[in-house]
Amino acid sequence: MIKETYFDLESLEEPSQPASLPESLEKQLADIPKERLVSLLLELTKHSESVRQRIRLFVSQSGDKEELVESRKLIRSYIKQASDRHGFVDYNHVHEAVEGAEFVLRACEQAAEDEEWMRAFGLYLCVAKEMILLLQSVDDSDGTVGGLVEDGLQGMLEVAAQREHIPPGQQEQIFRQLIEESSQPYMAEWADWSLHMLEIASKLAISPERRQEWENRLSAAENRLSDRSYYTARIAQLRYAMIVNQDGEEQAEHFIDRHLHLEHFRTIAFQKAMDGSQYERAVQLAEEAIRLESGSMRGYGSKWKRMLFDAYERSGDVAKVRQLSELLLLAGAVEYYTKLKESCPADE
């Protein structure tokens, strides 16, 4: 027969002496013999696949292939637990599904802090890849999974930025992995992230051979992308960054001049002209952009009219300032009323 136990809350009184603080869990565990701790851990693994995978990851050798395998298994074990019978993770279970990825992400950050660059890169890539795969079967309305992809990519970028501290052989491995992963089938629907991987790889394309391979992959990506107008501009920006970093200012200027049909590069050219007090050149660039408004640069008219106004004002062309400020004011830009008033003779 089970004896019933109860507490009479009213009979409880404050102790006359303050109770001593309980020992911390850490201290208690430290006092337990190793054999009993092993038995406890093994018992816990019987009831949770996620716990089992976390322990396997913990005991795997840092930086080796086994650690990556166990990291992948851990991430997937949490996803499996949070999925329904069709393998889909609904909105309410997303945070449970990504706990494994978050655990591995902390290991990435620790590896980077310890300057274990190759290990950090491998784990960051693992997180990014597994989260991209998860996006095929999850309601990611709040962007949690996509955010973890971004975290992984940002981590890889930070590793690549440490190029001078990474041995040449490891640089080569990282470069190759980025190049290969960027064009894998699972990346087909995620062009922005594929290009982000190529952007990271560009930091390591420091030899003529690597640069040529990088350029070949970039051209291949450009040819297979459907939204050519957007991605052509994005790819041109990657090429420009490569030229700035490796070829110098003169080659960068030539590249800008060949790409003035892209709004990004026309803006750079305009700003350079303004910074160099080349106001005639700045006016020309802005006026051309406004004329092109009905074509590929449609939608930038208002922006370029404001930029044209700045060029007129900096050049001291009062008549043009007056004319354009009046047009902008009539278009609803009330902040130009003061500019118009200042440009008018005192007797008007």
Protein backbone atom coordinates (compact mmCIF):
# COMPACT_ATOMS: atom_id res chain seq x y z
CA MET A 1 0.00 0.00 0.00
CA ILE A 2 1.32 3.43 -0.97
CA LYS A 3 1.52 5.85 1.89
CA GLU A 4 -0.01 9.21 1.01
CA THR A 5 2.16 12.21 1.73
CA TYR A 6 0.97 15.80 2.00
CA PHE A 7 2.16 19.15 3.26
CA ASP A 8 0.18 21.42 5.54
CA LEU A 9 1.28 24.79 4.12
CA GLU A 10 -0.12 26.70 7.11
CA SER A 11 2.08 24.75 9.51
CA LEU A 12 5.28 25.73 7.71
CA GLU A 13 7.23 28.42 9.52
CA GLU A 14 10.23 30.50 8.61
CA PRO A 15 13.40 28.82 9.85
CA SER A 16 15.12 30.58 12.69
CA GLN A 17 18.47 30.29 10.87
CA PRO A 18 18.93 31.04 7.14
CA ALA A 19 19.08 27.85 5.13
CA SER A 20 22.43 27.08 3.53
CA LEU A 21 22.56 27.40 -0.26
CA PRO A 22 22.39 24.06 -2.09
CA GLU A 23 25.54 22.94 -3.79
CA SER A 24 25.74 23.88 -7.46
CA LEU A 25 25.00 21.19 -10.00
CA GLU A 26 28.52 21.56 -11.31
CA LYS A 27 29.98 20.82 -7.88
CA GLN A 28 27.65 17.87 -7.37
CA LEU A 29 28.59 16.36 -10.71
CA ALA A 30 32.28 16.92 -10.02
CA ASP A 31 32.00 14.78 -6.90
CA ILE A 32 30.39 11.84 -8.70
CA PRO A 33 32.69 9.00 -9.83
CA LYS A 34 33.33 8.86 -13.57
CA GLU A 35 31.63 5.46 -13.91
CA ARG A 36 28.36 6.82 -12.51
CA LEU A 37 28.49 9.84 -14.83
CA VAL A 38 28.96 7.56 -17.81
CA SER A 39 25.98 5.48 -16.68
CA LEU A 40 23.88 8.65 -16.32
CA LEU A 41 24.77 9.88 -19.80
CA LEU A 42 24.05 6.49 -21.35
CA GLU A 43 20.68 6.42 -19.59
CA LEU A 44 19.83 9.86 -20.96
CA THR A 45 20.70 8.80 -24.51
CA LYS A 46 18.09 6.02 -24.30
CA HIS A 47 15.31 8.60 -24.07
CA SER A 48 16.45 11.26 -26.52
CA GLU A 49 18.01 11.02 -29.98
CA SER A 50 19.02 14.69 -29.73
CA VAL A 51 20.86 14.10 -26.47
CA ARG A 52 22.59 11.09 -28.01
CA GLN A 53 23.76 13.18 -30.98
CA ARG A 54 24.94 16.05 -28.77
CA ILE A 55 27.05 13.66 -26.72
CA ARG A 56 28.48 12.07 -29.85
CA LEU A 57 29.36 15.53 -31.18
CA PHE A 58 30.92 16.47 -27.84
CA VAL A 59 33.21 13.45 -27.77
CA SER A 60 34.15 13.55 -31.47
CA GLN A 61 37.60 14.85 -32.35
CA SER A 62 37.51 18.59 -33.02
CA GLY A 63 38.19 19.51 -36.62
CA ASP A 64 37.99 16.05 -38.16
CA LYS A 65 35.46 14.56 -40.55
CA GLU A 66 33.65 12.80 -37.72
CA GLU A 67 32.81 16.13 -36.10
CA LEU A 68 31.12 17.33 -39.29
CA VAL A 69 29.20 14.07 -39.62
CA GLU A 70 28.01 14.28 -36.02
CA SER A 71 27.12 17.96 -36.43
CA ARG A 72 24.95 17.11 -39.41
CA LYS A 73 23.28 14.27 -37.53
CA LEU A 74 22.60 16.54 -34.55
CA ILE A 75 20.98 19.22 -36.68
CA ARG A 76 18.82 16.66 -38.45
CA SER A 77 17.80 14.93 -35.22
CA TYR A 78 16.20 18.13 -33.93
CA ILE A 79 14.50 18.72 -37.26
CA LYS A 80 13.12 15.18 -37.24
CA GLN A 81 11.71 15.58 -33.72
CA ALA A 82 9.98 18.83 -34.69
CA SER A 83 8.54 17.52 -37.99
CA ASP A 84 5.08 16.12 -38.54
CA ARG A 85 4.50 12.69 -40.07
CA HIS A 86 4.92 14.18 -43.55
CA GLY A 87 8.32 15.60 -42.68
CA PHE A 88 7.11 19.21 -42.53
CA VAL A 89 7.97 21.66 -39.74
CA ASP A 90 5.07 23.99 -39.02
CA TYR A 91 5.43 27.54 -37.74
CA ASN A 92 4.92 26.59 -34.08
CA HIS A 93 7.80 24.09 -34.09
CA VAL A 94 10.45 26.03 -36.00
CA HIS A 95 12.39 27.06 -32.90
CA GLU A 96 12.54 23.44 -31.73
CA ALA A 97 13.70 22.35 -35.17
CA VAL A 98 16.69 24.72 -35.25
CA GLU A 99 18.04 24.02 -31.75
CA GLY A 100 20.63 21.63 -33.17
CA ALA A 101 21.80 24.21 -35.72
CA GLU A 102 22.08 26.81 -32.98
CA PHE A 103 24.16 24.40 -30.90
CA VAL A 104 26.54 23.81 -33.82
CA LEU A 105 26.64 27.54 -34.54
CA ARG A 106 27.99 28.12 -31.03
CA ALA A 107 30.71 25.55 -31.77
CA CYS A 108 31.52 27.50 -34.96
CA GLU A 109 31.90 30.72 -33.04
CA GLN A 110 34.14 29.06 -30.46
CA ALA A 111 36.32 27.57 -33.19
CA ALA A 112 36.67 31.02 -34.81
CA GLU A 113 37.51 32.56 -31.44
CA ASP A 114 40.20 29.90 -31.01
CA GLU A 115 41.46 30.73 -34.54
CA GLU A 116 40.72 27.19 -35.77
CA TRP A 117 39.81 28.61 -39.15
CA MET A 118 39.38 25.39 -41.14
CA ARG A 119 37.22 23.84 -38.44
CA ALA A 120 35.13 27.02 -38.10
CA PHE A 121 34.59 27.18 -41.86
CA GLY A 122 33.47 23.53 -42.06
CA LEU A 123 30.95 23.96 -39.26
CA TYR A 124 29.61 27.26 -40.64
CA LEU A 125 29.13 25.61 -44.02
CA CYS A 126 27.37 22.68 -42.34
CA VAL A 127 24.89 25.02 -40.62
CA ALA A 128 24.21 27.03 -43.79
CA LYS A 129 23.71 23.95 -45.95
CA GLU A 130 21.43 22.10 -43.53
CA MET A 131 19.26 25.19 -43.04
CA ILE A 132 18.96 25.73 -46.80
CA LEU A 133 17.83 22.11 -47.14
CA LEU A 134 15.34 22.63 -44.31
CA LEU A 135 13.73 25.55 -46.16
CA GLN A 136 12.18 23.03 -48.56
CA SER A 137 9.92 21.71 -45.78
CA VAL A 138 9.32 24.43 -43.19
CA ASP A 139 7.04 27.38 -42.55
CA ASP A 140 9.73 30.01 -42.09
CA SER A 141 7.36 32.97 -41.91
CA ASP A 142 9.43 34.75 -39.27
CA GLY A 143 12.74 34.16 -41.07
CA THR A 144 14.36 32.07 -38.33
CA VAL A 145 15.79 29.45 -40.69
CA GLY A 146 16.84 32.01 -43.29
CA GLY A 147 18.54 33.97 -40.52
CA LEU A 148 20.64 30.94 -39.61
CA VAL A 149 21.66 30.57 -43.25
CA GLU A 150 22.82 34.19 -43.15
CA ASP A 151 24.69 33.51 -39.90
CA GLY A 152 26.52 30.62 -41.53
CA LEU A 153 27.43 32.64 -44.61
CA GLN A 154 28.56 35.60 -42.53
CA GLY A 155 30.73 33.28 -40.47
CA MET A 156 32.36 31.89 -43.62
CA LEU A 157 33.00 35.44 -44.83
CA GLU A 158 34.69 36.29 -41.55
CA VAL A 159 36.88 33.19 -41.87
CA ALA A 160 37.87 34.14 -45.44
CA ALA A 161 38.76 37.63 -44.20
CA GLN A 162 41.46 35.97 -42.07
CA ARG A 163 43.24 34.82 -45.22
CA GLU A 164 46.67 35.99 -44.08
CA HIS A 165 46.42 33.75 -41.02
CA ILE A 166 45.25 30.64 -42.89
CA PRO A 167 47.87 28.23 -44.32
CA PRO A 168 47.90 28.11 -48.16
CA GLY A 169 46.72 24.51 -48.25
CA GLN A 170 43.66 25.31 -46.12
CA GLN A 171 42.96 28.41 -48.21
CA GLU A 172 42.82 26.18 -51.25
CA GLN A 173 40.45 23.74 -49.55
CA ILE A 174 38.10 26.51 -48.46
CA PHE A 175 38.14 28.10 -51.91
CA ARG A 176 37.36 24.77 -53.60
CA GLN A 177 34.50 23.98 -51.24
CA LEU A 178 32.91 27.39 -51.78
CA ILE A 179 33.20 27.11 -55.55
CA GLU A 180 31.71 23.62 -55.57
CA GLU A 181 28.91 24.30 -53.08
CA SER A 182 27.78 27.44 -54.91
CA SER A 183 26.60 25.38 -57.89
CA GLN A 184 25.21 22.32 -56.12
CA PRO A 185 21.58 21.35 -56.97
CA TYR A 186 20.31 22.34 -53.51
CA MET A 187 21.40 25.94 -54.29
CA ALA A 188 19.36 26.15 -57.50
CA GLU A 189 16.47 28.07 -55.89
CA TRP A 190 18.70 30.30 -53.79
CA ALA A 191 20.64 32.39 -56.28
CA ASP A 192 21.45 35.18 -53.83
CA TRP A 193 23.09 32.76 -51.42
CA SER A 194 24.90 31.02 -54.27
CA LEU A 195 26.37 34.37 -55.31
CA HIS A 196 27.20 35.10 -51.68
CA MET A 197 29.32 31.94 -51.62
CA LEU A 198 31.13 33.14 -54.74
CA GLU A 199 31.62 36.51 -53.09
CA ILE A 200 33.28 34.77 -50.12
CA ALA A 201 35.40 32.70 -52.52
CA SER A 202 36.61 35.90 -54.18
CA LYS A 203 38.49 36.77 -50.98
CA LEU A 204 40.64 33.69 -51.59
CA ALA A 205 40.98 33.96 -55.40
CA ILE A 206 44.46 35.42 -55.07
CA SER A 207 46.28 33.43 -57.76
CA PRO A 208 45.68 33.74 -61.54
CA GLU A 209 44.43 30.13 -61.61
CA ARG A 210 41.93 30.65 -58.79
CA ARG A 211 40.75 33.92 -60.22
CA GLN A 212 40.12 32.37 -63.61
CA GLU A 213 38.18 29.52 -62.05
CA TRP A 214 36.19 32.02 -59.98
CA GLU A 215 35.40 34.02 -63.13
CA ASN A 216 34.31 30.86 -64.96
CA ARG A 217 31.91 29.94 -62.15
CA LEU A 218 30.56 33.47 -62.04
CA SER A 219 29.89 33.42 -65.79
CA ALA A 220 28.20 30.04 -65.50
CA ALA A 221 25.99 31.38 -62.71
CA GLU A 222 25.10 34.42 -64.82
CA ASN A 223 24.05 32.22 -67.75
CA ARG A 224 21.72 30.02 -65.70
CA LEU A 225 19.97 32.75 -63.71
CA SER A 226 16.48 33.68 -64.86
CA ASP A 227 16.15 37.23 -63.48
CA ARG A 228 18.96 38.59 -65.63
CA SER A 229 18.39 42.31 -64.95
CA TYR A 230 18.79 41.94 -61.16
CA TYR A 231 21.55 39.35 -61.15
CA THR A 232 23.55 40.96 -63.96
CA ALA A 233 23.90 44.00 -61.71
CA ARG A 234 24.78 41.85 -58.71
CA ILE A 235 27.41 39.89 -60.64
CA ALA A 236 28.88 43.09 -62.07
CA GLN A 237 29.31 44.36 -58.50
CA LEU A 238 31.24 41.19 -57.60
CA ARG A 239 33.52 41.65 -60.61
CA TYR A 240 34.04 45.30 -59.74
CA ALA A 241 35.06 44.43 -56.17
CA MET A 242 37.56 41.90 -57.52
CA ILE A 243 39.06 44.51 -59.86
CA VAL A 244 39.30 47.13 -57.10
CA ASN A 245 41.08 44.66 -54.81
CA GLN A 246 43.47 43.19 -57.35
CA ASP A 247 43.83 45.42 -60.42
CA GLY A 248 43.90 48.96 -59.11
CA GLU A 249 42.02 52.21 -59.55
CA GLU A 250 42.62 52.68 -63.29
CA GLN A 251 41.09 49.32 -64.23
CA ALA A 252 38.21 49.98 -61.82
CA GLU A 253 37.48 53.30 -63.57
CA HIS A 254 37.39 51.56 -66.96
CA PHE A 255 34.96 48.98 -65.58
CA ILE A 256 32.66 51.71 -64.25
CA ASP A 257 32.65 53.48 -67.62
CA ARG A 258 31.65 50.24 -69.37
CA HIS A 259 28.77 49.67 -66.95
CA LEU A 260 27.07 53.05 -66.74
CA HIS A 261 23.87 51.39 -67.96
CA LEU A 262 23.65 49.88 -64.48
CA GLU A 263 22.33 52.31 -61.88
CA HIS A 264 24.82 51.20 -59.22
CA PHE A 265 27.84 52.12 -61.34
CA ARG A 266 26.36 55.37 -62.66
CA THR A 267 25.88 56.38 -59.02
CA ILE A 268 29.52 55.56 -58.25
CA ALA A 269 30.67 57.57 -61.28
CA PHE A 270 28.46 60.51 -60.23
CA GLN A 271 29.82 60.52 -56.69
CA LYS A 272 33.40 60.33 -57.92
CA ALA A 273 32.76 63.30 -60.21
CA MET A 274 31.23 65.29 -57.36
CA ASP A 275 34.10 64.41 -55.01
CA GLY A 276 36.58 65.54 -57.68
CA SER A 277 34.68 68.80 -58.34
CA GLN A 278 34.00 67.59 -61.89
CA TYR A 279 30.53 69.12 -61.90
CA GLU A 280 30.10 69.14 -65.68
CA ARG A 281 30.68 65.37 -65.68
CA ALA A 282 28.26 64.92 -62.75
CA VAL A 283 25.58 66.93 -64.55
CA GLN A 284 26.06 64.84 -67.69
CA LEU A 285 25.70 61.56 -65.79
CA ALA A 286 22.54 62.73 -64.00
CA GLU A 287 20.91 64.17 -67.12
CA GLU A 288 21.57 60.94 -69.04
CA ALA A 289 20.01 58.94 -66.22
CA ILE A 290 16.88 61.07 -66.30
CA ARG A 291 16.59 60.62 -70.08
CA LEU A 292 16.92 56.87 -69.61
CA GLU A 293 14.07 56.88 -67.09
CA SER A 294 11.66 55.30 -69.53
CA GLY A 295 14.11 52.47 -70.24
CA SER A 296 16.17 50.19 -68.05
CA MET A 297 16.54 52.81 -65.31
CA ARG A 298 12.84 53.56 -64.93
CA GLY A 299 11.96 54.55 -61.39
CA TYR A 300 15.17 56.44 -60.66
CA GLY A 301 14.02 59.74 -62.15
CA SER A 302 13.21 61.43 -58.85
CA LYS A 303 16.48 60.27 -57.31
CA TRP A 304 18.51 61.51 -60.25
CA LYS A 305 16.69 64.85 -60.38
CA ARG A 306 17.71 65.39 -56.77
CA MET A 307 21.28 64.39 -57.58
CA LEU A 308 21.24 66.72 -60.60
CA PHE A 309 20.07 69.51 -58.31
CA ASP A 310 23.06 68.85 -56.03
CA ALA A 311 25.41 69.10 -59.02
CA TYR A 312 23.84 72.38 -60.16
CA GLU A 313 24.04 73.77 -56.64
CA ARG A 314 27.66 72.74 -56.10
CA SER A 315 28.65 74.19 -59.48
CA GLY A 316 27.01 77.52 -58.65
CA ASP A 317 24.58 77.45 -61.59
CA VAL A 318 21.86 79.58 -59.98
CA ALA A 319 19.57 79.59 -63.02
CA LYS A 320 19.54 75.80 -63.18
CA VAL A 321 19.08 75.55 -59.41
CA ARG A 322 16.05 77.83 -59.64
CA GLN A 323 14.54 75.94 -62.58
CA LEU A 324 14.98 72.47 -61.09
CA SER A 325 13.94 73.43 -57.55
CA GLU A 326 10.69 74.77 -58.99
CA LEU A 327 10.07 71.48 -60.83
CA LEU A 328 10.82 69.44 -57.71
CA LEU A 329 8.56 71.65 -55.61
CA LEU A 330 5.70 71.22 -58.08
CA ALA A 331 6.28 67.46 -57.91
CA GLY A 332 5.62 67.59 -54.17
CA ALA A 333 9.16 67.88 -52.76
CA VAL A 334 8.31 70.72 -50.38
CA GLU A 335 11.82 70.81 -48.92
CA TYR A 336 12.92 72.57 -52.10
CA TYR A 337 10.79 75.66 -51.33
CA THR A 338 13.67 77.20 -49.35
CA LYS A 339 16.11 76.40 -52.18
CA LEU A 340 13.78 78.06 -54.69
CA LYS A 341 13.37 81.11 -52.50
CA GLU A 342 17.13 81.45 -52.02
CA SER A 343 17.72 81.27 -55.78
CA CYS A 344 15.31 84.09 -56.56
CA PRO A 345 16.44 87.72 -56.74
CA ALA A 346 15.58 89.79 -53.65
CA ASP A 347 12.99 91.88 -55.50
CA GLU A 348 10.93 88.84 -56.63
